[in-house]
Amino acid sequence: MSEEVTINTTVISSPERAWQAFTSADAITEWNHASPDWHCPRAEVDLRKGGKHFARMEARDGSFGFDFTGIYDEVDPPHALTLRLDDGRRARTTFEADGDRTRVQTVFDAETMNPVEMQRDGWQAILDSYAAYVART
């Protein structure tokens, strides 16, 4: 059993708007990167239970890239979304209203190839990029 890792952010947004920014394929291509030297040139979202999630992650210099894919196990707009990654791990994201803000939390199963702290930092950097996207849109 893998370790669960929790990351969080808060955005000045309604849960509905936060949800849309998190689940729209067009939006995902704008924020789904951990640092400016990476990008997400393509994303596809079939937002329904059993639907497929696809995001292409690439270094901007073309030196490395990978596909981040999975199947949605839970789609409860604008409250919760669970993605079962192709390797069997799960990532569950929740959206909780807090006045004019929304708290966004993701709990994901760590993989065993990389240190947990490195994974936490990478996933948190992507969630921070998401929050910055919401702030500027």
C-alpha atoms as a PDB file:
ATOM      1  CA  MET A   1       0.000   0.000   0.000  1.00  0.00           C
ATOM      2  CA  SER A   2       1.405   3.386  -0.959  1.00  0.00           C
ATOM      3  CA  GLU A   3       1.594   6.450   1.252  1.00  0.00           C
ATOM      4  CA  GLU A   4      -1.125   9.080   0.863  1.00  0.00           C
ATOM      5  CA  VAL A   5       0.109  12.617   0.280  1.00  0.00           C
ATOM      6  CA  THR A   6      -2.012  15.746   0.802  1.00  0.00           C
ATOM      7  CA  ILE A   7      -1.549  19.093  -0.938  1.00  0.00           C
ATOM      8  CA  ASN A   8      -3.699  22.233  -0.637  1.00  0.00           C
ATOM      9  CA  THR A   9      -4.368  25.663  -2.018  1.00  0.00           C
ATOM     10  CA  THR A  10      -7.025  28.343  -1.618  1.00  0.00           C
ATOM     11  CA  VAL A  11      -8.352  30.363  -4.541  1.00  0.00           C
ATOM     12  CA  ILE A  12     -10.525  33.478  -4.576  1.00  0.00           C
ATOM     13  CA  SER A  13     -13.302  31.865  -6.525  1.00  0.00           C
ATOM     14  CA  SER A  14     -16.590  30.058  -6.176  1.00  0.00           C
ATOM     15  CA  PRO A  15     -16.363  26.259  -6.105  1.00  0.00           C
ATOM     16  CA  GLU A  16     -18.074  26.197  -9.511  1.00  0.00           C
ATOM     17  CA  ARG A  17     -15.447  28.437 -11.104  1.00  0.00           C
ATOM     18  CA  ALA A  18     -12.612  26.603  -9.309  1.00  0.00           C
ATOM     19  CA  TRP A  19     -14.023  23.300 -10.586  1.00  0.00           C
ATOM     20  CA  GLN A  20     -14.239  24.598 -14.165  1.00  0.00           C
ATOM     21  CA  ALA A  21     -10.620  25.772 -14.098  1.00  0.00           C
ATOM     22  CA  PHE A  22      -9.513  22.403 -12.715  1.00  0.00           C
ATOM     23  CA  THR A  23     -11.468  20.222 -15.152  1.00  0.00           C
ATOM     24  CA  SER A  24     -11.542  22.105 -18.480  1.00  0.00           C
ATOM     25  CA  ALA A  25      -9.054  20.699 -21.004  1.00  0.00           C
ATOM     26  CA  ASP A  26      -8.289  24.202 -22.285  1.00  0.00           C
ATOM     27  CA  ALA A  27      -7.596  25.450 -18.749  1.00  0.00           C
ATOM     28  CA  ILE A  28      -5.472  22.409 -17.877  1.00  0.00           C
ATOM     29  CA  THR A  29      -3.095  23.229 -20.734  1.00  0.00           C
ATOM     30  CA  GLU A  30      -2.596  26.678 -19.166  1.00  0.00           C
ATOM     31  CA  TRP A  31      -1.709  25.603 -15.608  1.00  0.00           C
ATOM     32  CA  ASN A  32      -0.605  21.945 -15.613  1.00  0.00           C
ATOM     33  CA  HIS A  33       3.135  22.362 -15.066  1.00  0.00           C
ATOM     34  CA  ALA A  34       5.412  22.395 -12.030  1.00  0.00           C
ATOM     35  CA  SER A  35       7.818  25.044 -13.344  1.00  0.00           C
ATOM     36  CA  PRO A  36       8.077  27.503 -16.243  1.00  0.00           C
ATOM     37  CA  ASP A  37      10.423  25.184 -18.149  1.00  0.00           C
ATOM     38  CA  TRP A  38       7.592  22.628 -18.483  1.00  0.00           C
ATOM     39  CA  HIS A  39       4.235  22.847 -20.206  1.00  0.00           C
ATOM     40  CA  CYS A  40       1.125  20.839 -21.030  1.00  0.00           C
ATOM     41  CA  PRO A  41       0.622  21.139 -24.783  1.00  0.00           C
ATOM     42  CA  ARG A  42      -2.450  18.882 -24.878  1.00  0.00           C
ATOM     43  CA  ALA A  43      -5.177  17.707 -22.526  1.00  0.00           C
ATOM     44  CA  GLU A  44      -8.369  15.718 -23.022  1.00  0.00           C
ATOM     45  CA  VAL A  45     -11.103  15.373 -20.427  1.00  0.00           C
ATOM     46  CA  ASP A  46     -14.103  13.031 -20.618  1.00  0.00           C
ATOM     47  CA  LEU A  47     -15.611  14.315 -17.372  1.00  0.00           C
ATOM     48  CA  ARG A  48     -17.866  11.464 -16.291  1.00  0.00           C
ATOM     49  CA  LYS A  49     -17.466   8.384 -14.137  1.00  0.00           C
ATOM     50  CA  GLY A  50     -15.504   5.951 -16.291  1.00  0.00           C
ATOM     51  CA  GLY A  51     -14.293   8.785 -18.546  1.00  0.00           C
ATOM     52  CA  LYS A  52     -10.661   9.200 -19.495  1.00  0.00           C
ATOM     53  CA  HIS A  53      -8.259  11.946 -18.427  1.00  0.00           C
ATOM     54  CA  PHE A  54      -5.202  12.669 -20.572  1.00  0.00           C
ATOM     55  CA  ALA A  55      -2.560  15.360 -20.135  1.00  0.00           C
ATOM     56  CA  ARG A  56       0.713  15.519 -22.067  1.00  0.00           C
ATOM     57  CA  MET A  57       3.513  16.942 -19.917  1.00  0.00           C
ATOM     58  CA  GLU A  58       6.719  18.051 -21.655  1.00  0.00           C
ATOM     59  CA  ALA A  59       9.888  19.982 -20.975  1.00  0.00           C
ATOM     60  CA  ARG A  60       9.753  23.123 -23.122  1.00  0.00           C
ATOM     61  CA  ASP A  61      13.158  22.273 -24.621  1.00  0.00           C
ATOM     62  CA  GLY A  62      11.778  18.918 -25.844  1.00  0.00           C
ATOM     63  CA  SER A  63      14.246  16.881 -23.779  1.00  0.00           C
ATOM     64  CA  PHE A  64      11.615  14.861 -21.910  1.00  0.00           C
ATOM     65  CA  GLY A  65       7.870  14.271 -21.791  1.00  0.00           C
ATOM     66  CA  PHE A  66       5.256  11.868 -20.527  1.00  0.00           C
ATOM     67  CA  ASP A  67       1.521  11.232 -20.607  1.00  0.00           C
ATOM     68  CA  PHE A  68      -0.434  11.599 -17.367  1.00  0.00           C
ATOM     69  CA  THR A  69      -3.524   9.436 -17.803  1.00  0.00           C
ATOM     70  CA  GLY A  70      -6.296   7.835 -15.821  1.00  0.00           C
ATOM     71  CA  ILE A  71      -9.987   7.101 -15.480  1.00  0.00           C
ATOM     72  CA  TYR A  72     -12.451   9.125 -13.410  1.00  0.00           C
ATOM     73  CA  ASP A  73     -13.897   7.065 -10.550  1.00  0.00           C
ATOM     74  CA  GLU A  74     -15.855   9.978  -9.055  1.00  0.00           C
ATOM     75  CA  VAL A  75     -17.245  13.110 -10.663  1.00  0.00           C
ATOM     76  CA  ASP A  76     -19.324  15.206  -8.237  1.00  0.00           C
ATOM     77  CA  PRO A  77     -19.335  18.811  -9.518  1.00  0.00           C
ATOM     78  CA  PRO A  78     -18.307  21.128  -7.957  1.00  0.00           C
ATOM     79  CA  HIS A  79     -17.351  19.144  -4.849  1.00  0.00           C
ATOM     80  CA  ALA A  80     -15.077  16.188  -5.590  1.00  0.00           C
ATOM     81  CA  LEU A  81     -13.201  14.432  -8.355  1.00  0.00           C
ATOM     82  CA  THR A  82     -11.331  11.128  -8.112  1.00  0.00           C
ATOM     83  CA  LEU A  83      -8.910  10.000 -10.789  1.00  0.00           C
ATOM     84  CA  ARG A  84      -7.575   6.437 -10.876  1.00  0.00           C
ATOM     85  CA  LEU A  85      -4.232   6.685 -12.602  1.00  0.00           C
ATOM     86  CA  ASP A  86      -3.227   4.043 -15.112  1.00  0.00           C
ATOM     87  CA  ASP A  87      -0.828   2.500 -12.566  1.00  0.00           C
ATOM     88  CA  GLY A  88      -3.704   2.012 -10.079  1.00  0.00           C
ATOM     89  CA  ARG A  89      -2.925   4.921  -7.765  1.00  0.00           C
ATOM     90  CA  ARG A  90      -5.689   7.365  -6.907  1.00  0.00           C
ATOM     91  CA  ALA A  91      -5.855  11.131  -6.692  1.00  0.00           C
ATOM     92  CA  ARG A  92      -8.915  12.744  -5.109  1.00  0.00           C
ATOM     93  CA  THR A  93      -9.471  16.497  -5.288  1.00  0.00           C
ATOM     94  CA  THR A  94     -12.100  18.322  -3.270  1.00  0.00           C
ATOM     95  CA  PHE A  95     -13.449  21.863  -3.554  1.00  0.00           C
ATOM     96  CA  GLU A  96     -14.815  23.421  -0.345  1.00  0.00           C
ATOM     97  CA  ALA A  97     -16.441  26.852  -0.214  1.00  0.00           C
ATOM     98  CA  ASP A  98     -15.059  29.236   2.406  1.00  0.00           C
ATOM     99  CA  GLY A  99     -16.730  32.628   1.992  1.00  0.00           C
ATOM    100  CA  ASP A 100     -15.538  34.129  -1.299  1.00  0.00           C
ATOM    101  CA  ARG A 101     -12.787  31.526  -1.511  1.00  0.00           C
ATOM    102  CA  THR A 102     -12.559  27.836  -2.308  1.00  0.00           C
ATOM    103  CA  ARG A 103     -10.206  25.460  -0.557  1.00  0.00           C
ATOM    104  CA  VAL A 104      -8.844  22.918  -3.017  1.00  0.00           C
ATOM    105  CA  GLN A 105      -7.238  19.786  -1.623  1.00  0.00           C
ATOM    106  CA  THR A 106      -5.745  16.813  -3.430  1.00  0.00           C
ATOM    107  CA  VAL A 107      -4.910  13.554  -1.685  1.00  0.00           C
ATOM    108  CA  PHE A 108      -2.895  11.215  -3.879  1.00  0.00           C
ATOM    109  CA  ASP A 109      -1.197   7.854  -3.543  1.00  0.00           C
ATOM    110  CA  ALA A 110       2.562   8.240  -3.801  1.00  0.00           C
ATOM    111  CA  GLU A 111       4.424   6.061  -6.271  1.00  0.00           C
ATOM    112  CA  THR A 112       7.461   4.044  -5.186  1.00  0.00           C
ATOM    113  CA  MET A 113      10.072   5.188  -7.738  1.00  0.00           C
ATOM    114  CA  ASN A 114      10.713   8.668  -6.296  1.00  0.00           C
ATOM    115  CA  PRO A 115      10.969  10.103  -2.771  1.00  0.00           C
ATOM    116  CA  VAL A 116       7.612  11.099  -1.292  1.00  0.00           C
ATOM    117  CA  GLU A 117       8.848  14.624  -0.514  1.00  0.00           C
ATOM    118  CA  MET A 118       9.838  15.121  -4.165  1.00  0.00           C
ATOM    119  CA  GLN A 119       6.382  13.980  -5.278  1.00  0.00           C
ATOM    120  CA  ARG A 120       4.666  16.254  -2.736  1.00  0.00           C
ATOM    121  CA  ASP A 121       6.738  19.217  -3.931  1.00  0.00           C
ATOM    122  CA  GLY A 122       6.001  18.499  -7.605  1.00  0.00           C
ATOM    123  CA  TRP A 123       2.266  18.029  -7.145  1.00  0.00           C
ATOM    124  CA  GLN A 124       2.124  21.116  -4.897  1.00  0.00           C
ATOM    125  CA  ALA A 125       3.949  23.181  -7.533  1.00  0.00           C
ATOM    126  CA  ILE A 126       1.338  22.129 -10.105  1.00  0.00           C
ATOM    127  CA  LEU A 127      -1.497  23.018  -7.699  1.00  0.00           C
ATOM    128  CA  ASP A 128       0.188  26.382  -7.072  1.00  0.00           C
ATOM    129  CA  SER A 129       0.281  26.922 -10.841  1.00  0.00           C
ATOM    130  CA  TYR A 130      -3.455  26.113 -10.919  1.00  0.00           C
ATOM    131  CA  ALA A 131      -4.087  28.705  -8.179  1.00  0.00           C
ATOM    132  CA  ALA A 132      -2.099  31.328 -10.111  1.00  0.00           C
ATOM    133  CA  TYR A 133      -4.153  30.540 -13.223  1.00  0.00           C
ATOM    134  CA  VAL A 134      -7.429  31.004 -11.297  1.00  0.00           C
ATOM    135  CA  ALA A 135      -6.146  34.302  -9.880  1.00  0.00           C
ATOM    136  CA  ARG A 136      -5.385  35.735 -13.326  1.00  0.00           C
ATOM    137  CA  THR A 137      -8.560  34.578 -15.109  1.00  0.00           C
END
